[in-house]
PDB file of N, CA and C in Angstrom:
ATOM      1  N   MET A   1      45.527   7.464  69.861  1.00  0.00           N
ATOM      2  CA  MET A   1      45.178   6.811  68.618  1.00  0.00           C
ATOM      3  C   MET A   1      44.657   5.403  68.918  1.00  0.00           C
ATOM      4  N   VAL A   2      43.590   5.037  68.256  1.00  0.00           N
ATOM      5  CA  VAL A   2      42.982   3.722  68.447  1.00  0.00           C
ATOM      6  C   VAL A   2      43.694   2.706  67.563  1.00  0.00           C
ATOM      7  N   SER A   3      44.008   1.574  68.147  1.00  0.00           N
ATOM      8  CA  SER A   3      44.648   0.504  67.390  1.00  0.00           C
ATOM      9  C   SER A   3      43.642  -0.612  67.131  1.00  0.00           C
ATOM     10  N   ARG A   4      44.019  -1.526  66.272  1.00  0.00           N
ATOM     11  CA  ARG A   4      43.158  -2.688  66.017  1.00  0.00           C
ATOM     12  C   ARG A   4      42.929  -3.493  67.289  1.00  0.00           C
ATOM     13  N   ASP A   5      43.944  -3.543  68.146  1.00  0.00           N
ATOM     14  CA  ASP A   5      43.788  -4.274  69.406  1.00  0.00           C
ATOM     15  C   ASP A   5      42.688  -3.663  70.266  1.00  0.00           C
ATOM     16  N   VAL A   6      42.638  -2.333  70.318  1.00  0.00           N
ATOM     17  CA  VAL A   6      41.595  -1.661  71.091  1.00  0.00           C
ATOM     18  C   VAL A   6      40.228  -1.961  70.479  1.00  0.00           C
ATOM     19  N   LEU A   7      40.137  -1.927  69.163  1.00  0.00           N
ATOM     20  CA  LEU A   7      38.865  -2.236  68.510  1.00  0.00           C
ATOM     21  C   LEU A   7      38.434  -3.678  68.799  1.00  0.00           C
ATOM     22  N   HIS A   8      39.381  -4.599  68.769  1.00  0.00           N
ATOM     23  CA  HIS A   8      39.069  -5.995  69.089  1.00  0.00           C
ATOM     24  C   HIS A   8      38.541  -6.115  70.520  1.00  0.00           C
ATOM     25  N   GLU A   9      39.165  -5.402  71.450  1.00  0.00           N
ATOM     26  CA  GLU A   9      38.710  -5.423  72.843  1.00  0.00           C
ATOM     27  C   GLU A   9      37.292  -4.872  72.959  1.00  0.00           C
ATOM     28  N   LEU A  10      37.007  -3.795  72.224  1.00  0.00           N
ATOM     29  CA  LEU A  10      35.665  -3.218  72.260  1.00  0.00           C
ATOM     30  C   LEU A  10      34.633  -4.195  71.724  1.00  0.00           C
ATOM     31  N   VAL A  11      34.942  -4.828  70.616  1.00  0.00           N
ATOM     32  CA  VAL A  11      34.025  -5.812  70.041  1.00  0.00           C
ATOM     33  C   VAL A  11      33.826  -6.968  71.014  1.00  0.00           C
ATOM     34  N   ASP A  12      34.901  -7.431  71.621  1.00  0.00           N
ATOM     35  CA  ASP A  12      34.796  -8.536  72.574  1.00  0.00           C
ATOM     36  C   ASP A  12      33.959  -8.166  73.792  1.00  0.00           C
ATOM     37  N   SER A  13      33.895  -6.890  74.131  1.00  0.00           N
ATOM     38  CA  SER A  13      33.141  -6.466  75.319  1.00  0.00           C
ATOM     39  C   SER A  13      31.668  -6.157  75.029  1.00  0.00           C
ATOM     40  N   LEU A  14      31.279  -6.190  73.752  1.00  0.00           N
ATOM     41  CA  LEU A  14      29.882  -5.895  73.407  1.00  0.00           C
ATOM     42  C   LEU A  14      28.931  -6.943  73.971  1.00  0.00           C
ATOM     43  N   PRO A  15      27.766  -6.494  74.429  1.00  0.00           N
ATOM     44  CA  PRO A  15      26.741  -7.462  74.818  1.00  0.00           C
ATOM     45  C   PRO A  15      26.313  -8.266  73.582  1.00  0.00           C
ATOM     46  N   GLU A  16      25.953  -9.497  73.776  1.00  0.00           N
ATOM     47  CA  GLU A  16      25.579 -10.378  72.668  1.00  0.00           C
ATOM     48  C   GLU A  16      24.489  -9.749  71.794  1.00  0.00           C
ATOM     49  N   ALA A  17      23.570  -9.036  72.402  1.00  0.00           N
ATOM     50  CA  ALA A  17      22.454  -8.430  71.660  1.00  0.00           C
ATOM     51  C   ALA A  17      22.911  -7.334  70.702  1.00  0.00           C
ATOM     52  N   GLU A  18      24.107  -6.798  70.881  1.00  0.00           N
ATOM     53  CA  GLU A  18      24.601  -5.697  70.045  1.00  0.00           C
ATOM     54  C   GLU A  18      25.545  -6.149  68.938  1.00  0.00           C
ATOM     55  N   ILE A  19      25.877  -7.427  68.903  1.00  0.00           N
ATOM     56  CA  ILE A  19      26.838  -7.933  67.923  1.00  0.00           C
ATOM     57  C   ILE A  19      26.358  -7.704  66.490  1.00  0.00           C
ATOM     58  N   ALA A  20      25.096  -7.994  66.214  1.00  0.00           N
ATOM     59  CA  ALA A  20      24.580  -7.828  64.845  1.00  0.00           C
ATOM     60  C   ALA A  20      24.626  -6.363  64.407  1.00  0.00           C
ATOM     61  N   ALA A  21      24.274  -5.451  65.296  1.00  0.00           N
ATOM     62  CA  ALA A  21      24.313  -4.019  64.951  1.00  0.00           C
ATOM     63  C   ALA A  21      25.745  -3.573  64.687  1.00  0.00           C
ATOM     64  N   ALA A  22      26.674  -4.038  65.503  1.00  0.00           N
ATOM     65  CA  ALA A  22      28.078  -3.681  65.299  1.00  0.00           C
ATOM     66  C   ALA A  22      28.590  -4.221  63.971  1.00  0.00           C
ATOM     67  N   GLU A  23      28.179  -5.442  63.644  1.00  0.00           N
ATOM     68  CA  GLU A  23      28.606  -6.028  62.367  1.00  0.00           C
ATOM     69  C   GLU A  23      28.075  -5.213  61.192  1.00  0.00           C
ATOM     70  N   ARG A  24      26.809  -4.821  61.252  1.00  0.00           N
ATOM     71  CA  ARG A  24      26.231  -4.005  60.166  1.00  0.00           C
ATOM     72  C   ARG A  24      26.971  -2.681  60.041  1.00  0.00           C
ATOM     73  N   PHE A  25      27.242  -2.043  61.171  1.00  0.00           N
ATOM     74  CA  PHE A  25      27.933  -0.756  61.155  1.00  0.00           C
ATOM     75  C   PHE A  25      29.332  -0.893  60.568  1.00  0.00           C
ATOM     76  N   LEU A  26      30.094  -1.860  61.047  1.00  0.00           N
ATOM     77  CA  LEU A  26      31.457  -2.040  60.552  1.00  0.00           C
ATOM     78  C   LEU A  26      31.477  -2.434  59.085  1.00  0.00           C
ATOM     79  N   THR A  27      30.519  -3.243  58.657  1.00  0.00           N
ATOM     80  CA  THR A  27      30.422  -3.611  57.244  1.00  0.00           C
ATOM     81  C   THR A  27      30.145  -2.379  56.398  1.00  0.00           C
ATOM     82  N   THR A  28      29.242  -1.534  56.870  1.00  0.00           N
ATOM     83  CA  THR A  28      28.886  -0.322  56.136  1.00  0.00           C
ATOM     84  C   THR A  28      30.084   0.608  55.987  1.00  0.00           C
ATOM     85  N   ILE A  29      30.781   0.876  57.081  1.00  0.00           N
ATOM     86  CA  ILE A  29      31.884   1.835  56.972  1.00  0.00           C
ATOM     87  C   ILE A  29      33.086   1.249  56.251  1.00  0.00           C
ATOM     88  N   SER A  30      33.168  -0.073  56.156  1.00  0.00           N
ATOM     89  CA  SER A  30      34.289  -0.657  55.418  1.00  0.00           C
ATOM     90  C   SER A  30      34.040  -0.658  53.916  1.00  0.00           C
ATOM     91  N   LYS A  31      32.776  -0.534  53.499  1.00  0.00           N
ATOM     92  CA  LYS A  31      32.441  -0.574  52.077  1.00  0.00           C
ATOM     93  C   LYS A  31      32.243   0.806  51.474  1.00  0.00           C
ATOM     94  N   GLU A  32      31.793   1.757  52.275  1.00  0.00           N
ATOM     95  CA  GLU A  32      31.496   3.088  51.756  1.00  0.00           C
ATOM     96  C   GLU A  32      32.683   4.014  52.012  1.00  0.00           C
ATOM     97  N   PRO A  33      32.990   4.864  51.031  1.00  0.00           N
ATOM     98  CA  PRO A  33      34.041   5.849  51.304  1.00  0.00           C
ATOM     99  C   PRO A  33      33.590   6.768  52.437  1.00  0.00           C
ATOM    100  N   MET A  34      34.483   7.068  53.327  1.00  0.00           N
ATOM    101  CA  MET A  34      34.130   7.910  54.464  1.00  0.00           C
ATOM    102  C   MET A  34      34.557   9.337  54.165  1.00  0.00           C
ATOM    103  N   GLY A  35      33.582  10.157  53.821  1.00  0.00           N
ATOM    104  CA  GLY A  35      33.855  11.558  53.563  1.00  0.00           C
ATOM    105  C   GLY A  35      34.036  12.324  54.860  1.00  0.00           C
ATOM    106  N   PRO A  36      34.416  13.592  54.755  1.00  0.00           N
ATOM    107  CA  PRO A  36      34.695  14.381  55.955  1.00  0.00           C
ATOM    108  C   PRO A  36      33.480  14.566  56.860  1.00  0.00           C
ATOM    109  N   GLU A  37      32.284  14.698  56.275  1.00  0.00           N
ATOM    110  CA  GLU A  37      31.086  14.868  57.107  1.00  0.00           C
ATOM    111  C   GLU A  37      30.792  13.607  57.909  1.00  0.00           C
ATOM    112  N   PHE A  38      30.892  12.456  57.256  1.00  0.00           N
ATOM    113  CA  PHE A  38      30.615  11.199  57.948  1.00  0.00           C
ATOM    114  C   PHE A  38      31.670  10.947  59.023  1.00  0.00           C
ATOM    115  N   ALA A  39      32.935  11.206  58.702  1.00  0.00           N
ATOM    116  CA  ALA A  39      34.006  11.027  59.683  1.00  0.00           C
ATOM    117  C   ALA A  39      33.786  11.950  60.888  1.00  0.00           C
ATOM    118  N   ALA A  40      33.373  13.187  60.620  1.00  0.00           N
ATOM    119  CA  ALA A  40      33.106  14.131  61.712  1.00  0.00           C
ATOM    120  C   ALA A  40      31.939  13.646  62.572  1.00  0.00           C
ATOM    121  N   SER A  41      30.929  13.058  61.932  1.00  0.00           N
ATOM    122  CA  SER A  41      29.784  12.569  62.702  1.00  0.00           C
ATOM    123  C   SER A  41      30.194  11.396  63.591  1.00  0.00           C
ATOM    124  N   ILE A  42      31.092  10.557  63.100  1.00  0.00           N
ATOM    125  CA  ILE A  42      31.589   9.443  63.909  1.00  0.00           C
ATOM    126  C   ILE A  42      32.356   9.987  65.113  1.00  0.00           C
ATOM    127  N   ARG A  43      33.202  10.994  64.885  1.00  0.00           N
ATOM    128  CA  ARG A  43      33.953  11.587  65.997  1.00  0.00           C
ATOM    129  C   ARG A  43      33.010  12.219  67.017  1.00  0.00           C
ATOM    130  N   ARG A  44      31.947  12.904  66.544  1.00  0.00           N
ATOM    131  CA  ARG A  44      30.966  13.480  67.470  1.00  0.00           C
ATOM    132  C   ARG A  44      30.283  12.380  68.272  1.00  0.00           C
ATOM    133  N   GLY A  45      29.909  11.303  67.588  1.00  0.00           N
ATOM    134  CA  GLY A  45      29.244  10.196  68.274  1.00  0.00           C
ATOM    135  C   GLY A  45      30.134   9.564  69.332  1.00  0.00           C
ATOM    136  N   LEU A  46      31.409   9.397  69.015  1.00  0.00           N
ATOM    137  CA  LEU A  46      32.336   8.839  69.992  1.00  0.00           C
ATOM    138  C   LEU A  46      32.499   9.780  71.185  1.00  0.00           C
ATOM    139  N   GLY A  47      32.542  11.067  70.906  1.00  0.00           N
ATOM    140  CA  GLY A  47      32.632  12.050  71.989  1.00  0.00           C
ATOM    141  C   GLY A  47      31.394  12.012  72.869  1.00  0.00           C
ATOM    142  N   GLN A  48      30.223  11.884  72.244  1.00  0.00           N
ATOM    143  CA  GLN A  48      28.984  11.784  73.012  1.00  0.00           C
ATOM    144  C   GLN A  48      28.976  10.518  73.861  1.00  0.00           C
ATOM    145  N   ALA A  49      29.428   9.419  73.284  1.00  0.00           N
ATOM    146  CA  ALA A  49      29.466   8.159  74.039  1.00  0.00           C
ATOM    147  C   ALA A  49      30.429   8.284  75.216  1.00  0.00           C
ATOM    148  N   ASP A  50      31.590   8.892  74.992  1.00  0.00           N
ATOM    149  CA  ASP A  50      32.553   9.082  76.078  1.00  0.00           C
ATOM    150  C   ASP A  50      31.965   9.935  77.199  1.00  0.00           C
ATOM    151  N   ALA A  51      31.086  10.883  76.831  1.00  0.00           N
ATOM    152  CA  ALA A  51      30.461  11.770  77.812  1.00  0.00           C
ATOM    153  C   ALA A  51      29.148  11.191  78.352  1.00  0.00           C
ATOM    154  N   SER A  52      28.840   9.940  77.968  1.00  0.00           N
ATOM    155  CA  SER A  52      27.578   9.277  78.358  1.00  0.00           C
ATOM    156  C   SER A  52      26.355  10.047  77.874  1.00  0.00           C
ATOM    157  N   ASP A  53      26.514  10.769  76.774  1.00  0.00           N
ATOM    158  CA  ASP A  53      25.414  11.510  76.155  1.00  0.00           C
ATOM    159  C   ASP A  53      24.935  10.689  74.961  1.00  0.00           C
ATOM    160  N   THR A  54      24.009   9.783  75.206  1.00  0.00           N
ATOM    161  CA  THR A  54      23.594   8.851  74.164  1.00  0.00           C
ATOM    162  C   THR A  54      22.436   9.394  73.337  1.00  0.00           C
ATOM    163  N   VAL A  55      22.335   8.892  72.121  1.00  0.00           N
ATOM    164  CA  VAL A  55      21.260   9.224  71.202  1.00  0.00           C
ATOM    165  C   VAL A  55      20.606   7.904  70.798  1.00  0.00           C
ATOM    166  N   VAL A  56      19.303   7.820  70.976  1.00  0.00           N
ATOM    167  CA  VAL A  56      18.589   6.589  70.634  1.00  0.00           C
ATOM    168  C   VAL A  56      18.152   6.657  69.176  1.00  0.00           C
ATOM    169  N   CYS A  57      18.517   5.647  68.398  1.00  0.00           N
ATOM    170  CA  CYS A  57      18.141   5.558  66.988  1.00  0.00           C
ATOM    171  C   CYS A  57      17.515   4.184  66.760  1.00  0.00           C
ATOM    172  N   HIS A  58      16.521   4.147  65.913  1.00  0.00           N
ATOM    173  CA  HIS A  58      15.820   2.895  65.649  1.00  0.00           C
ATOM    174  C   HIS A  58      16.301   2.199  64.383  1.00  0.00           C
ATOM    175  N   ASP A  59      17.024   2.916  63.523  1.00  0.00           N
ATOM    176  CA  ASP A  59      17.573   2.298  62.328  1.00  0.00           C
ATOM    177  C   ASP A  59      18.731   3.155  61.814  1.00  0.00           C
ATOM    178  N   TYR A  60      19.418   2.626  60.816  1.00  0.00           N
ATOM    179  CA  TYR A  60      20.616   3.287  60.293  1.00  0.00           C
ATOM    180  C   TYR A  60      20.298   4.691  59.751  1.00  0.00           C
ATOM    181  N   SER A  61      19.198   4.828  59.024  1.00  0.00           N
ATOM    182  CA  SER A  61      18.839   6.126  58.441  1.00  0.00           C
ATOM    183  C   SER A  61      18.630   7.172  59.529  1.00  0.00           C
ATOM    184  N   GLU A  62      17.944   6.785  60.583  1.00  0.00           N
ATOM    185  CA  GLU A  62      17.722   7.719  61.685  1.00  0.00           C
ATOM    186  C   GLU A  62      19.038   8.090  62.362  1.00  0.00           C
ATOM    187  N   MET A  63      19.942   7.120  62.491  1.00  0.00           N
ATOM    188  CA  MET A  63      21.244   7.391  63.087  1.00  0.00           C
ATOM    189  C   MET A  63      22.018   8.413  62.241  1.00  0.00           C
ATOM    190  N   VAL A  64      22.049   8.199  60.937  1.00  0.00           N
ATOM    191  CA  VAL A  64      22.771   9.121  60.058  1.00  0.00           C
ATOM    192  C   VAL A  64      22.155  10.512  60.136  1.00  0.00           C
ATOM    193  N   GLU A  65      20.826  10.590  60.122  1.00  0.00           N
ATOM    194  CA  GLU A  65      20.145  11.880  60.201  1.00  0.00           C
ATOM    195  C   GLU A  65      20.498  12.612  61.481  1.00  0.00           C
ATOM    196  N   LYS A  66      20.457  11.905  62.618  1.00  0.00           N
ATOM    197  CA  LYS A  66      20.751  12.547  63.900  1.00  0.00           C
ATOM    198  C   LYS A  66      22.207  12.942  64.004  1.00  0.00           C
ATOM    199  N   LEU A  67      23.111  12.116  63.519  1.00  0.00           N
ATOM    200  CA  LEU A  67      24.529  12.415  63.648  1.00  0.00           C
ATOM    201  C   LEU A  67      24.996  13.504  62.688  1.00  0.00           C
ATOM    202  N   LEU A  68      24.324  13.664  61.560  1.00  0.00           N
ATOM    203  CA  LEU A  68      24.741  14.696  60.609  1.00  0.00           C
ATOM    204  C   LEU A  68      24.101  16.050  60.873  1.00  0.00           C
ATOM    205  N   ASP A  69      23.183  16.119  61.825  1.00  0.00           N
ATOM    206  CA  ASP A  69      22.576  17.419  62.163  1.00  0.00           C
ATOM    207  C   ASP A  69      23.584  18.354  62.743  1.00  0.00           C
TER     208      ASP A  69
END
């Protein structure tokens, strides 16, 4: 289980260039209700990241489209 401490460590380890994207993402998920499809897409994305299987997205809409496929 991920704790707030782990999330803080992850944020602290982000490259400076990724801080704005992380802020937008965290702001979005904190404001929108997370339904089962979106939660499942986040879990898939985390699994892909853990497996070094990355997906390149140019904006939020493209990310949602790719992750919900």
